[in-house]
PDB file of N, CA and C in Angstrom:
ATOM      1  N   MET A   1      52.070-105.393 -89.317  1.00  0.00           N
ATOM      2  CA  MET A   1      51.348-104.495 -90.320  1.00  0.00           C
ATOM      3  C   MET A   1      49.978-103.915 -89.480  1.00  0.00           C
ATOM      4  N   LEU A   2      49.859-102.676 -89.791  1.00  0.00           N
ATOM      5  CA  LEU A   2      48.753-101.916 -89.362  1.00  0.00           C
ATOM      6  C   LEU A   2      47.880-101.777 -90.488  1.00  0.00           C
ATOM      7  N   GLU A   3      46.610-101.806 -90.243  1.00  0.00           N
ATOM      8  CA  GLU A   3      45.417-101.481 -91.312  1.00  0.00           C
ATOM      9  C   GLU A   3      44.325-100.622 -90.945  1.00  0.00           C
ATOM     10  N   LEU A   4      43.927 -99.887 -91.913  1.00  0.00           N
ATOM     11  CA  LEU A   4      42.829 -98.980 -91.750  1.00  0.00           C
ATOM     12  C   LEU A   4      41.781 -99.239 -92.834  1.00  0.00           C
ATOM     13  N   GLU A   5      40.608 -99.786 -92.519  1.00  0.00           N
ATOM     14  CA  GLU A   5      39.653 -99.985 -93.680  1.00  0.00           C
ATOM     15  C   GLU A   5      38.245 -99.783 -93.308  1.00  0.00           C
ATOM     16  N   ASP A   6      37.649 -99.581 -94.495  1.00  0.00           N
ATOM     17  CA  ASP A   6      36.001 -99.371 -94.498  1.00  0.00           C
ATOM     18  C   ASP A   6      35.681-100.209 -95.894  1.00  0.00           C
ATOM     19  N   SER A   7      34.260 -99.861 -96.095  1.00  0.00           N
ATOM     20  CA  SER A   7      33.929-100.560 -97.304  1.00  0.00           C
ATOM     21  C   SER A   7      34.334-100.017 -98.484  1.00  0.00           C
ATOM     22  N   LYS A   8      34.830 -98.801 -98.625  1.00  0.00           N
ATOM     23  CA  LYS A   8      35.345 -97.922 -99.634  1.00  0.00           C
ATOM     24  C   LYS A   8      36.710 -97.832 -99.786  1.00  0.00           C
ATOM     25  N   TYR A   9      37.518 -98.189 -98.546  1.00  0.00           N
ATOM     26  CA  TYR A   9      39.011 -98.098 -98.877  1.00  0.00           C
ATOM     27  C   TYR A   9      39.867 -99.233 -97.894  1.00  0.00           C
ATOM     28  N   HIS A  10      41.119 -99.247 -98.154  1.00  0.00           N
ATOM     29  CA  HIS A  10      41.771-100.153 -97.442  1.00  0.00           C
ATOM     30  C   HIS A  10      43.218 -99.555 -97.337  1.00  0.00           C
ATOM     31  N   ILE A  11      43.927 -99.182 -96.140  1.00  0.00           N
ATOM     32  CA  ILE A  11      45.160 -98.636 -96.014  1.00  0.00           C
ATOM     33  C   ILE A  11      45.985 -99.562 -95.275  1.00  0.00           C
ATOM     34  N   THR A  12      47.164 -99.972 -95.638  1.00  0.00           N
ATOM     35  CA  THR A  12      47.950-100.693 -95.067  1.00  0.00           C
ATOM     36  C   THR A  12      49.565-100.190 -94.603  1.00  0.00           C
ATOM     37  N   TYR A  13      49.987-100.322 -93.503  1.00  0.00           N
ATOM     38  CA  TYR A  13      51.307 -99.903 -93.450  1.00  0.00           C
ATOM     39  C   TYR A  13      52.343-101.126 -93.059  1.00  0.00           C
ATOM     40  N   ASP A  14      53.223-101.628 -93.872  1.00  0.00           N
ATOM     41  CA  ASP A  14      53.893-102.416 -93.830  1.00  0.00           C
ATOM     42  C   ASP A  14      55.084-102.095 -93.279  1.00  0.00           C
ATOM     43  N   PHE A  15      55.511-102.081 -91.977  1.00  0.00           N
ATOM     44  CA  PHE A  15      56.823-101.735 -91.226  1.00  0.00           C
ATOM     45  C   PHE A  15      57.939-102.267 -92.056  1.00  0.00           C
ATOM     46  N   ASP A  16      58.106-103.649 -92.006  1.00  0.00           N
ATOM     47  CA  ASP A  16      59.302-104.007 -92.817  1.00  0.00           C
ATOM     48  C   ASP A  16      59.580-103.562 -94.022  1.00  0.00           C
ATOM     49  N   ALA A  17      58.511-103.345 -94.975  1.00  0.00           N
ATOM     50  CA  ALA A  17      58.591-102.529 -96.393  1.00  0.00           C
ATOM     51  C   ALA A  17      58.777-101.340 -96.456  1.00  0.00           C
ATOM     52  N   ALA A  18      58.535-100.496 -95.308  1.00  0.00           N
ATOM     53  CA  ALA A  18      58.610 -99.200 -94.869  1.00  0.00           C
ATOM     54  C   ALA A  18      57.595 -98.522 -96.045  1.00  0.00           C
ATOM     55  N   THR A  19      56.380 -98.985 -96.227  1.00  0.00           N
ATOM     56  CA  THR A  19      55.240 -98.667 -97.230  1.00  0.00           C
ATOM     57  C   THR A  19      53.965 -98.722 -96.674  1.00  0.00           C
ATOM     58  N   ILE A  20      53.283 -97.499 -97.126  1.00  0.00           N
ATOM     59  CA  ILE A  20      51.926 -97.564 -96.795  1.00  0.00           C
ATOM     60  C   ILE A  20      51.328 -97.381 -98.051  1.00  0.00           C
ATOM     61  N   THR A  21      50.244 -98.385 -98.103  1.00  0.00           N
ATOM     62  CA  THR A  21      49.483 -98.469 -99.711  1.00  0.00           C
ATOM     63  C   THR A  21      48.131 -98.283 -99.243  1.00  0.00           C
ATOM     64  N   CYS A  22      47.625 -97.122-100.122  1.00  0.00           N
ATOM     65  CA  CYS A  22      46.282 -96.840-100.065  1.00  0.00           C
ATOM     66  C   CYS A  22      45.519 -97.502-101.351  1.00  0.00           C
ATOM     67  N   GLU A  23      44.309 -98.185-100.984  1.00  0.00           N
ATOM     68  CA  GLU A  23      43.480 -98.516-101.997  1.00  0.00           C
ATOM     69  C   GLU A  23      42.051 -97.990-102.040  1.00  0.00           C
ATOM     70  N   GLY A  24      41.431 -98.042-103.028  1.00  0.00           N
ATOM     71  CA  GLY A  24      39.793 -97.542-103.305  1.00  0.00           C
ATOM     72  C   GLY A  24      39.517 -96.094-103.198  1.00  0.00           C
ATOM     73  N   SER A  25      38.740 -95.597-102.461  1.00  0.00           N
ATOM     74  CA  SER A  25      38.375 -94.164-102.441  1.00  0.00           C
ATOM     75  C   SER A  25      37.864 -93.746-101.154  1.00  0.00           C
ATOM     76  N   LEU A  26      38.801 -92.498-100.910  1.00  0.00           N
ATOM     77  CA  LEU A  26      38.919 -91.807 -99.844  1.00  0.00           C
ATOM     78  C   LEU A  26      38.166 -90.611 -99.876  1.00  0.00           C
ATOM     79  N   SER A  27      36.808 -90.645 -99.302  1.00  0.00           N
ATOM     80  CA  SER A  27      35.980 -89.653 -99.466  1.00  0.00           C
ATOM     81  C   SER A  27      35.273 -89.277 -97.980  1.00  0.00           C
ATOM     82  N   LEU A  28      36.070 -89.213 -96.962  1.00  0.00           N
ATOM     83  CA  LEU A  28      35.785 -88.917 -95.524  1.00  0.00           C
ATOM     84  C   LEU A  28      35.211 -87.760 -95.469  1.00  0.00           C
ATOM     85  N   ASN A  29      34.491 -87.406 -94.390  1.00  0.00           N
ATOM     86  CA  ASN A  29      33.818 -86.142 -93.965  1.00  0.00           C
ATOM     87  C   ASN A  29      34.818 -85.437 -93.107  1.00  0.00           C
ATOM     88  N   GLY A  30      35.626 -84.451 -93.616  1.00  0.00           N
ATOM     89  CA  GLY A  30      36.303 -83.560 -92.638  1.00  0.00           C
ATOM     90  C   GLY A  30      37.361 -84.127 -92.154  1.00  0.00           C
ATOM     91  N   ALA A  31      38.279 -83.247 -91.433  1.00  0.00           N
ATOM     92  CA  ALA A  31      39.632 -83.381 -90.869  1.00  0.00           C
ATOM     93  C   ALA A  31      39.455 -84.514 -89.767  1.00  0.00           C
ATOM     94  N   VAL A  32      38.547 -84.431 -89.008  1.00  0.00           N
ATOM     95  CA  VAL A  32      38.320 -85.475 -87.763  1.00  0.00           C
ATOM     96  C   VAL A  32      38.133 -86.774 -88.421  1.00  0.00           C
ATOM     97  N   SER A  33      37.586 -86.928 -89.330  1.00  0.00           N
ATOM     98  CA  SER A  33      37.325 -88.394 -90.154  1.00  0.00           C
ATOM     99  C   SER A  33      38.718 -88.793 -90.587  1.00  0.00           C
ATOM    100  N   TYR A  34      39.730 -88.011 -91.080  1.00  0.00           N
ATOM    101  CA  TYR A  34      40.834 -88.402 -91.605  1.00  0.00           C
ATOM    102  C   TYR A  34      42.078 -88.594 -90.397  1.00  0.00           C
ATOM    103  N   GLU A  35      41.657 -88.287 -89.140  1.00  0.00           N
ATOM    104  CA  GLU A  35      42.580 -88.062 -88.180  1.00  0.00           C
ATOM    105  C   GLU A  35      43.100 -89.636 -87.955  1.00  0.00           C
ATOM    106  N   PRO A  36      42.503 -90.570 -88.119  1.00  0.00           N
ATOM    107  CA  PRO A  36      43.258 -91.992 -87.831  1.00  0.00           C
ATOM    108  C   PRO A  36      44.260 -92.071 -88.833  1.00  0.00           C
ATOM    109  N   LEU A  37      44.048 -91.946 -90.121  1.00  0.00           N
ATOM    110  CA  LEU A  37      45.008 -91.894 -91.355  1.00  0.00           C
ATOM    111  C   LEU A  37      46.278 -90.993 -90.915  1.00  0.00           C
ATOM    112  N   LEU A  38      45.769 -89.790 -90.675  1.00  0.00           N
ATOM    113  CA  LEU A  38      47.098 -88.665 -90.339  1.00  0.00           C
ATOM    114  C   LEU A  38      47.977 -89.184 -89.285  1.00  0.00           C
ATOM    115  N   GLN A  39      47.490 -90.018 -88.273  1.00  0.00           N
ATOM    116  CA  GLN A  39      48.212 -90.389 -87.126  1.00  0.00           C
ATOM    117  C   GLN A  39      48.943 -91.659 -87.635  1.00  0.00           C
ATOM    118  N   LEU A  40      48.290 -92.536 -88.416  1.00  0.00           N
ATOM    119  CA  LEU A  40      49.228 -93.514 -89.137  1.00  0.00           C
ATOM    120  C   LEU A  40      50.207 -93.124 -89.885  1.00  0.00           C
ATOM    121  N   LEU A  41      50.191 -92.187 -90.666  1.00  0.00           N
ATOM    122  CA  LEU A  41      51.233 -91.488 -91.423  1.00  0.00           C
ATOM    123  C   LEU A  41      52.246 -91.074 -90.543  1.00  0.00           C
ATOM    124  N   LYS A  42      51.962 -90.285 -89.560  1.00  0.00           N
ATOM    125  CA  LYS A  42      52.856 -89.580 -88.666  1.00  0.00           C
ATOM    126  C   LYS A  42      53.832 -90.932 -87.861  1.00  0.00           C
ATOM    127  N   GLN A  43      52.939 -91.692 -87.552  1.00  0.00           N
ATOM    128  CA  GLN A  43      53.521 -92.742 -86.778  1.00  0.00           C
ATOM    129  C   GLN A  43      54.747 -93.562 -87.548  1.00  0.00           C
ATOM    130  N   ALA A  44      54.161 -93.739 -88.968  1.00  0.00           N
ATOM    131  CA  ALA A  44      55.042 -94.465 -89.862  1.00  0.00           C
ATOM    132  C   ALA A  44      56.262 -93.568 -90.182  1.00  0.00           C
ATOM    133  N   ALA A  45      56.269 -92.259 -90.002  1.00  0.00           N
ATOM    134  CA  ALA A  45      57.493 -91.494 -90.528  1.00  0.00           C
ATOM    135  C   ALA A  45      58.273 -91.576 -89.380  1.00  0.00           C
ATOM    136  N   GLU A  46      57.932 -91.371 -88.252  1.00  0.00           N
ATOM    137  CA  GLU A  46      58.712 -91.400 -87.150  1.00  0.00           C
ATOM    138  C   GLU A  46      59.388 -92.830 -86.920  1.00  0.00           C
ATOM    139  N   GLU A  47      58.656 -93.812 -87.169  1.00  0.00           N
ATOM    140  CA  GLU A  47      59.368 -95.226 -86.987  1.00  0.00           C
ATOM    141  C   GLU A  47      60.263 -95.450 -88.039  1.00  0.00           C
ATOM    142  N   GLN A  48      60.321 -94.937 -89.119  1.00  0.00           N
ATOM    143  CA  GLN A  48      61.077 -95.316 -90.174  1.00  0.00           C
ATOM    144  C   GLN A  48      62.325 -94.077 -90.367  1.00  0.00           C
ATOM    145  N   GLU A  49      62.281 -93.068 -89.578  1.00  0.00           N
ATOM    146  CA  GLU A  49      63.305 -92.032 -89.757  1.00  0.00           C
ATOM    147  C   GLU A  49      64.557 -92.927 -89.089  1.00  0.00           C
ATOM    148  N   PRO A  50      65.784 -92.678 -89.573  1.00  0.00           N
ATOM    149  CA  PRO A  50      66.017 -91.880 -90.685  1.00  0.00           C
ATOM    150  C   PRO A  50      66.466 -92.547 -92.222  1.00  0.00           C
ATOM    151  N   ASN A  51      65.332 -93.456 -92.183  1.00  0.00           N
ATOM    152  CA  ASN A  51      65.638 -94.200 -93.567  1.00  0.00           C
ATOM    153  C   ASN A  51      64.440 -93.641 -94.528  1.00  0.00           C
ATOM    154  N   ALA A  52      63.693 -94.549 -95.278  1.00  0.00           N
ATOM    155  CA  ALA A  52      62.965 -94.001 -96.112  1.00  0.00           C
ATOM    156  C   ALA A  52      61.405 -94.373 -95.958  1.00  0.00           C
ATOM    157  N   LEU A  53      60.206 -93.819 -96.375  1.00  0.00           N
ATOM    158  CA  LEU A  53      58.876 -94.487 -96.306  1.00  0.00           C
ATOM    159  C   LEU A  53      58.306 -94.004 -97.642  1.00  0.00           C
ATOM    160  N   THR A  54      57.752 -94.881 -98.282  1.00  0.00           N
ATOM    161  CA  THR A  54      57.064 -94.766 -99.488  1.00  0.00           C
ATOM    162  C   THR A  54      55.388 -94.883 -98.991  1.00  0.00           C
ATOM    163  N   ILE A  55      54.772 -94.067 -99.816  1.00  0.00           N
ATOM    164  CA  ILE A  55      53.371 -93.865 -99.793  1.00  0.00           C
ATOM    165  C   ILE A  55      53.091 -94.137-101.333  1.00  0.00           C
ATOM    166  N   ASN A  56      52.183 -95.233-101.366  1.00  0.00           N
ATOM    167  CA  ASN A  56      51.901 -95.953-102.728  1.00  0.00           C
ATOM    168  C   ASN A  56      50.383 -95.709-102.989  1.00  0.00           C
ATOM    169  N   LEU A  57      49.944 -94.921-103.861  1.00  0.00           N
ATOM    170  CA  LEU A  57      48.733 -94.296-104.246  1.00  0.00           C
ATOM    171  C   LEU A  57      48.171 -94.978-105.452  1.00  0.00           C
ATOM    172  N   TYR A  58      48.959 -96.013-106.116  1.00  0.00           N
ATOM    173  CA  TYR A  58      48.510 -96.560-107.408  1.00  0.00           C
ATOM    174  C   TYR A  58      47.241 -97.034-107.355  1.00  0.00           C
ATOM    175  N   ALA A  59      46.569 -97.719-106.344  1.00  0.00           N
ATOM    176  CA  ALA A  59      45.437 -98.284-106.293  1.00  0.00           C
ATOM    177  C   ALA A  59      44.184 -97.418-105.895  1.00  0.00           C
ATOM    178  N   LEU A  60      44.538 -96.012-105.384  1.00  0.00           N
ATOM    179  CA  LEU A  60      43.755 -95.091-104.778  1.00  0.00           C
ATOM    180  C   LEU A  60      42.995 -94.396-106.108  1.00  0.00           C
ATOM    181  N   LYS A  61      41.872 -94.610-106.228  1.00  0.00           N
ATOM    182  CA  LYS A  61      41.027 -94.159-107.199  1.00  0.00           C
ATOM    183  C   LYS A  61      40.429 -92.593-106.918  1.00  0.00           C
ATOM    184  N   PHE A  62      40.348 -92.354-105.877  1.00  0.00           N
ATOM    185  CA  PHE A  62      39.656 -91.107-105.697  1.00  0.00           C
ATOM    186  C   PHE A  62      39.876 -90.588-104.064  1.00  0.00           C
ATOM    187  N   MET A  63      40.476 -89.098-103.917  1.00  0.00           N
ATOM    188  CA  MET A  63      40.555 -88.758-102.462  1.00  0.00           C
ATOM    189  C   MET A  63      39.948 -87.011-102.629  1.00  0.00           C
ATOM    190  N   ASN A  64      39.107 -86.920-101.595  1.00  0.00           N
ATOM    191  CA  ASN A  64      38.377 -85.453-101.571  1.00  0.00           C
ATOM    192  C   ASN A  64      39.440 -84.664-101.111  1.00  0.00           C
ATOM    193  N   SER A  65      38.997 -83.188-101.014  1.00  0.00           N
ATOM    194  CA  SER A  65      39.747 -82.235-100.403  1.00  0.00           C
ATOM    195  C   SER A  65      40.091 -82.266 -99.286  1.00  0.00           C
ATOM    196  N   SER A  66      39.117 -82.803 -98.374  1.00  0.00           N
ATOM    197  CA  SER A  66      39.701 -83.169 -96.904  1.00  0.00           C
ATOM    198  C   SER A  66      41.050 -84.037 -96.873  1.00  0.00           C
ATOM    199  N   GLY A  67      41.001 -85.193 -97.711  1.00  0.00           N
ATOM    200  CA  GLY A  67      42.138 -86.054 -97.824  1.00  0.00           C
ATOM    201  C   GLY A  67      43.319 -85.405 -98.145  1.00  0.00           C
ATOM    202  N   ILE A  68      43.286 -84.498 -99.268  1.00  0.00           N
ATOM    203  CA  ILE A  68      44.331 -83.793 -99.979  1.00  0.00           C
ATOM    204  C   ILE A  68      44.915 -82.852 -98.681  1.00  0.00           C
ATOM    205  N   ASN A  69      44.082 -82.276 -97.921  1.00  0.00           N
ATOM    206  CA  ASN A  69      44.635 -81.276 -96.735  1.00  0.00           C
ATOM    207  C   ASN A  69      45.224 -81.972 -95.668  1.00  0.00           C
ATOM    208  N   MET A  70      44.889 -83.483 -95.714  1.00  0.00           N
ATOM    209  CA  MET A  70      45.310 -84.270 -94.523  1.00  0.00           C
ATOM    210  C   MET A  70      46.728 -84.534 -94.927  1.00  0.00           C
ATOM    211  N   LEU A  71      46.937 -84.973 -96.263  1.00  0.00           N
ATOM    212  CA  LEU A  71      48.445 -85.155 -96.781  1.00  0.00           C
ATOM    213  C   LEU A  71      49.314 -83.980 -96.646  1.00  0.00           C
ATOM    214  N   THR A  72      48.631 -82.816 -96.941  1.00  0.00           N
ATOM    215  CA  THR A  72      49.379 -81.563 -96.748  1.00  0.00           C
ATOM    216  C   THR A  72      49.813 -81.373 -95.435  1.00  0.00           C
ATOM    217  N   LYS A  73      48.941 -81.619 -94.320  1.00  0.00           N
ATOM    218  CA  LYS A  73      49.336 -81.384 -92.930  1.00  0.00           C
ATOM    219  C   LYS A  73      50.670 -82.692 -92.601  1.00  0.00           C
ATOM    220  N   PHE A  74      50.248 -83.709 -93.210  1.00  0.00           N
ATOM    221  CA  PHE A  74      51.399 -84.808 -93.230  1.00  0.00           C
ATOM    222  C   PHE A  74      52.754 -84.203 -93.477  1.00  0.00           C
ATOM    223  N   ILE A  75      52.730 -83.753 -94.805  1.00  0.00           N
ATOM    224  CA  ILE A  75      53.887 -83.224 -95.189  1.00  0.00           C
ATOM    225  C   ILE A  75      54.639 -82.031 -94.605  1.00  0.00           C
ATOM    226  N   MET A  76      53.893 -81.201 -94.041  1.00  0.00           N
ATOM    227  CA  MET A  76      54.276 -79.952 -93.049  1.00  0.00           C
ATOM    228  C   MET A  76      54.867 -80.699 -91.783  1.00  0.00           C
ATOM    229  N   HIS A  77      54.192 -81.714 -91.306  1.00  0.00           N
ATOM    230  CA  HIS A  77      54.660 -82.520 -89.851  1.00  0.00           C
ATOM    231  C   HIS A  77      56.053 -83.037 -90.204  1.00  0.00           C
ATOM    232  N   VAL A  78      56.134 -83.479 -91.394  1.00  0.00           N
ATOM    233  CA  VAL A  78      57.413 -84.064 -91.539  1.00  0.00           C
ATOM    234  C   VAL A  78      58.542 -82.931 -91.782  1.00  0.00           C
ATOM    235  N   SER A  79      58.236 -82.006 -92.495  1.00  0.00           N
ATOM    236  CA  SER A  79      59.277 -81.062 -92.835  1.00  0.00           C
ATOM    237  C   SER A  79      59.441 -79.918 -91.813  1.00  0.00           C
ATOM    238  N   ASP A  80      58.343 -79.399 -91.287  1.00  0.00           N
ATOM    239  CA  ASP A  80      58.452 -78.347 -90.286  1.00  0.00           C
ATOM    240  C   ASP A  80      58.288 -78.471 -89.078  1.00  0.00           C
ATOM    241  N   VAL A  81      57.271 -79.310 -88.681  1.00  0.00           N
ATOM    242  CA  VAL A  81      57.043 -79.632 -87.094  1.00  0.00           C
ATOM    243  C   VAL A  81      58.297 -80.410 -86.405  1.00  0.00           C
ATOM    244  N   LYS A  82      58.384 -81.710 -87.082  1.00  0.00           N
ATOM    245  CA  LYS A  82      59.242 -82.630 -86.689  1.00  0.00           C
ATOM    246  C   LYS A  82      60.760 -82.496 -87.142  1.00  0.00           C
ATOM    247  N   LYS A  83      60.665 -81.990 -88.356  1.00  0.00           N
ATOM    248  CA  LYS A  83      61.887 -82.032 -89.122  1.00  0.00           C
ATOM    249  C   LYS A  83      62.602 -83.233 -89.245  1.00  0.00           C
ATOM    250  N   LEU A  84      61.838 -84.198 -89.761  1.00  0.00           N
ATOM    251  CA  LEU A  84      62.252 -85.548 -89.723  1.00  0.00           C
ATOM    252  C   LEU A  84      63.349 -85.699 -90.902  1.00  0.00           C
ATOM    253  N   GLN A  85      64.322 -86.488 -90.651  1.00  0.00           N
ATOM    254  CA  GLN A  85      65.445 -86.833 -91.379  1.00  0.00           C
ATOM    255  C   GLN A  85      64.812 -88.162 -92.286  1.00  0.00           C
ATOM    256  N   LEU A  86      64.045 -87.917 -93.082  1.00  0.00           N
ATOM    257  CA  LEU A  86      63.440 -89.095 -93.704  1.00  0.00           C
ATOM    258  C   LEU A  86      63.273 -88.949 -95.519  1.00  0.00           C
ATOM    259  N   THR A  87      63.659 -90.162 -96.001  1.00  0.00           N
ATOM    260  CA  THR A  87      63.150 -89.825 -97.254  1.00  0.00           C
ATOM    261  C   THR A  87      62.042 -90.437 -97.596  1.00  0.00           C
ATOM    262  N   LEU A  88      61.217 -89.446 -98.107  1.00  0.00           N
ATOM    263  CA  LEU A  88      59.713 -89.752 -98.541  1.00  0.00           C
ATOM    264  C   LEU A  88      59.534 -89.946 -99.802  1.00  0.00           C
ATOM    265  N   CYS A  89      58.833 -90.853-100.360  1.00  0.00           N
ATOM    266  CA  CYS A  89      58.626 -91.163-101.885  1.00  0.00           C
ATOM    267  C   CYS A  89      56.971 -91.396-101.800  1.00  0.00           C
ATOM    268  N   PHE A  90      56.394 -90.732-102.853  1.00  0.00           N
ATOM    269  CA  PHE A  90      55.110 -90.946-103.338  1.00  0.00           C
ATOM    270  C   PHE A  90      55.047 -91.571-104.532  1.00  0.00           C
ATOM    271  N   GLN A  91      54.270 -92.805-104.704  1.00  0.00           N
ATOM    272  CA  GLN A  91      54.086 -93.474-105.779  1.00  0.00           C
ATOM    273  C   GLN A  91      52.833 -93.313-106.339  1.00  0.00           C
ATOM    274  N   ALA A  92      52.754 -92.783-107.633  1.00  0.00           N
ATOM    275  CA  ALA A  92      51.382 -92.671-108.172  1.00  0.00           C
ATOM    276  C   ALA A  92      51.311 -92.794-109.609  1.00  0.00           C
ATOM    277  N   LYS A  93      50.223 -92.530-110.079  1.00  0.00           N
ATOM    278  CA  LYS A  93      49.875 -93.064-111.587  1.00  0.00           C
ATOM    279  C   LYS A  93      49.610 -91.690-112.547  1.00  0.00           C
ATOM    280  N   LYS A  94      50.414 -91.840-113.571  1.00  0.00           N
ATOM    281  CA  LYS A  94      50.397 -90.538-114.422  1.00  0.00           C
ATOM    282  C   LYS A  94      48.675 -90.480-114.913  1.00  0.00           C
ATOM    283  N   ARG A  95      48.251 -91.575-115.509  1.00  0.00           N
ATOM    284  CA  ARG A  95      46.754 -91.522-116.026  1.00  0.00           C
ATOM    285  C   ARG A  95      45.886 -91.148-114.963  1.00  0.00           C
ATOM    286  N   ILE A  96      46.188 -91.195-113.817  1.00  0.00           N
ATOM    287  CA  ILE A  96      45.154 -90.550-112.662  1.00  0.00           C
ATOM    288  C   ILE A  96      45.568 -89.071-112.439  1.00  0.00           C
ATOM    289  N   ALA A  97      45.007 -88.181-113.160  1.00  0.00           N
ATOM    290  CA  ALA A  97      45.485 -86.789-113.051  1.00  0.00           C
ATOM    291  C   ALA A  97      45.638 -86.317-111.780  1.00  0.00           C
ATOM    292  N   TRP A  98      44.690 -86.499-110.918  1.00  0.00           N
ATOM    293  CA  TRP A  98      44.809 -85.878-109.504  1.00  0.00           C
ATOM    294  C   TRP A  98      45.987 -86.164-108.612  1.00  0.00           C
ATOM    295  N   GLN A  99      46.409 -87.395-108.908  1.00  0.00           N
ATOM    296  CA  GLN A  99      47.518 -88.048-108.281  1.00  0.00           C
ATOM    297  C   GLN A  99      48.798 -87.387-108.594  1.00  0.00           C
ATOM    298  N   GLU A 100      49.093 -87.326-109.939  1.00  0.00           N
ATOM    299  CA  GLU A 100      50.177 -86.242-110.244  1.00  0.00           C
ATOM    300  C   GLU A 100      50.362 -85.017-109.940  1.00  0.00           C
ATOM    301  N   LYS A 101      49.228 -84.654-109.961  1.00  0.00           N
ATOM    302  CA  LYS A 101      48.998 -83.158-109.354  1.00  0.00           C
ATOM    303  C   LYS A 101      49.280 -82.998-107.984  1.00  0.00           C
ATOM    304  N   LEU A 102      48.710 -83.890-107.116  1.00  0.00           N
ATOM    305  CA  LEU A 102      48.835 -83.804-105.840  1.00  0.00           C
ATOM    306  C   LEU A 102      50.288 -84.034-105.578  1.00  0.00           C
ATOM    307  N   CYS A 103      50.909 -84.952-106.157  1.00  0.00           N
ATOM    308  CA  CYS A 103      52.470 -85.141-105.738  1.00  0.00           C
ATOM    309  C   CYS A 103      53.318 -83.896-106.113  1.00  0.00           C
ATOM    310  N   ILE A 104      52.992 -83.464-107.162  1.00  0.00           N
ATOM    311  CA  ILE A 104      53.589 -82.176-107.771  1.00  0.00           C
ATOM    312  C   ILE A 104      53.515 -81.094-106.630  1.00  0.00           C
ATOM    313  N   ASN A 105      52.184 -80.758-106.271  1.00  0.00           N
ATOM    314  CA  ASN A 105      51.807 -79.739-105.115  1.00  0.00           C
ATOM    315  C   ASN A 105      52.586 -80.275-103.851  1.00  0.00           C
ATOM    316  N   LEU A 106      52.680 -81.337-103.483  1.00  0.00           N
ATOM    317  CA  LEU A 106      53.433 -81.731-102.270  1.00  0.00           C
ATOM    318  C   LEU A 106      54.699 -81.516-102.209  1.00  0.00           C
ATOM    319  N   GLN A 107      55.246 -81.651-103.449  1.00  0.00           N
ATOM    320  CA  GLN A 107      56.972 -81.360-103.647  1.00  0.00           C
ATOM    321  C   GLN A 107      57.251 -80.003-103.453  1.00  0.00           C
ATOM    322  N   ARG A 108      56.215 -79.006-103.814  1.00  0.00           N
ATOM    323  CA  ARG A 108      56.577 -77.657-103.580  1.00  0.00           C
ATOM    324  C   ARG A 108      56.658 -77.543-101.948  1.00  0.00           C
ATOM    325  N   LEU A 109      55.995 -77.947-101.236  1.00  0.00           N
ATOM    326  CA  LEU A 109      56.089 -78.039 -99.723  1.00  0.00           C
ATOM    327  C   LEU A 109      57.338 -78.694 -99.209  1.00  0.00           C
ATOM    328  N   LEU A 110      57.602 -79.966-100.026  1.00  0.00           N
ATOM    329  CA  LEU A 110      58.718 -80.721 -99.442  1.00  0.00           C
ATOM    330  C   LEU A 110      59.766 -81.040-100.628  1.00  0.00           C
ATOM    331  N   PRO A 111      60.460 -79.971-101.245  1.00  0.00           N
ATOM    332  CA  PRO A 111      61.391 -80.271-102.252  1.00  0.00           C
ATOM    333  C   PRO A 111      62.132 -81.633-102.390  1.00  0.00           C
ATOM    334  N   SER A 112      62.446 -82.235-101.269  1.00  0.00           N
ATOM    335  CA  SER A 112      63.158 -83.531-101.158  1.00  0.00           C
ATOM    336  C   SER A 112      62.056 -84.686-101.356  1.00  0.00           C
ATOM    337  N   LEU A 113      60.993 -84.437-101.476  1.00  0.00           N
ATOM    338  CA  LEU A 113      60.021 -85.389-101.839  1.00  0.00           C
ATOM    339  C   LEU A 113      60.249 -86.247-103.181  1.00  0.00           C
ATOM    340  N   LYS A 114      60.467 -87.478-103.173  1.00  0.00           N
ATOM    341  CA  LYS A 114      60.775 -88.261-104.412  1.00  0.00           C
ATOM    342  C   LYS A 114      59.193 -88.692-104.930  1.00  0.00           C
ATOM    343  N   ILE A 115      59.181 -88.582-106.246  1.00  0.00           N
ATOM    344  CA  ILE A 115      57.808 -88.897-106.793  1.00  0.00           C
ATOM    345  C   ILE A 115      58.068 -89.864-107.957  1.00  0.00           C
ATOM    346  N   GLU A 116      57.345 -91.037-107.848  1.00  0.00           N
ATOM    347  CA  GLU A 116      57.471 -92.024-108.818  1.00  0.00           C
ATOM    348  C   GLU A 116      56.373 -92.201-109.541  1.00  0.00           C
ATOM    349  N   LEU A 117      56.314 -91.914-110.889  1.00  0.00           N
ATOM    350  CA  LEU A 117      55.057 -91.887-111.505  1.00  0.00           C
ATOM    351  C   LEU A 117      54.970 -93.232-112.608  1.00  0.00           C
ATOM    352  N   LEU A 118      53.809 -93.795-112.477  1.00  0.00           N
ATOM    353  CA  LEU A 118      53.900 -94.928-113.081  1.00  0.00           C
ATOM    354  C   LEU A 118      53.038 -94.707-114.376  1.00  0.00           C
ATOM    355  N   ASP A 119      53.355 -95.011-115.716  1.00  0.00           N
ATOM    356  CA  ASP A 119      52.364 -94.664-116.940  1.00  0.00           C
ATOM    357  C   ASP A 119      51.192 -95.675-116.715  1.00  0.00           C
TER     358      ASP A 119
END
């Protein structure tokens, strides 16, 4: 299991469960600050190919625009740069409006993206 954590967030990558879980609040300053998380996402995607990878956002309360840009880069990496044969699933909560909106926007970039919305 790989982990990234700070006083405000906790990110875990469970290889066996093929799941990255994001908890807390991601409000880092700019793309450079998000680079370790982007590298973790890329590593997980490449390790899980050709199977599935789940990104669980259920416990993520906030993500700033730099974080959203980082996830966009990740989706583009999976679909355009590496052309990975990977089933990617984002799990989000409907009642956290930005999560649902983010997932829908990411699905525009990667139509095969599965979205699981929890009420």
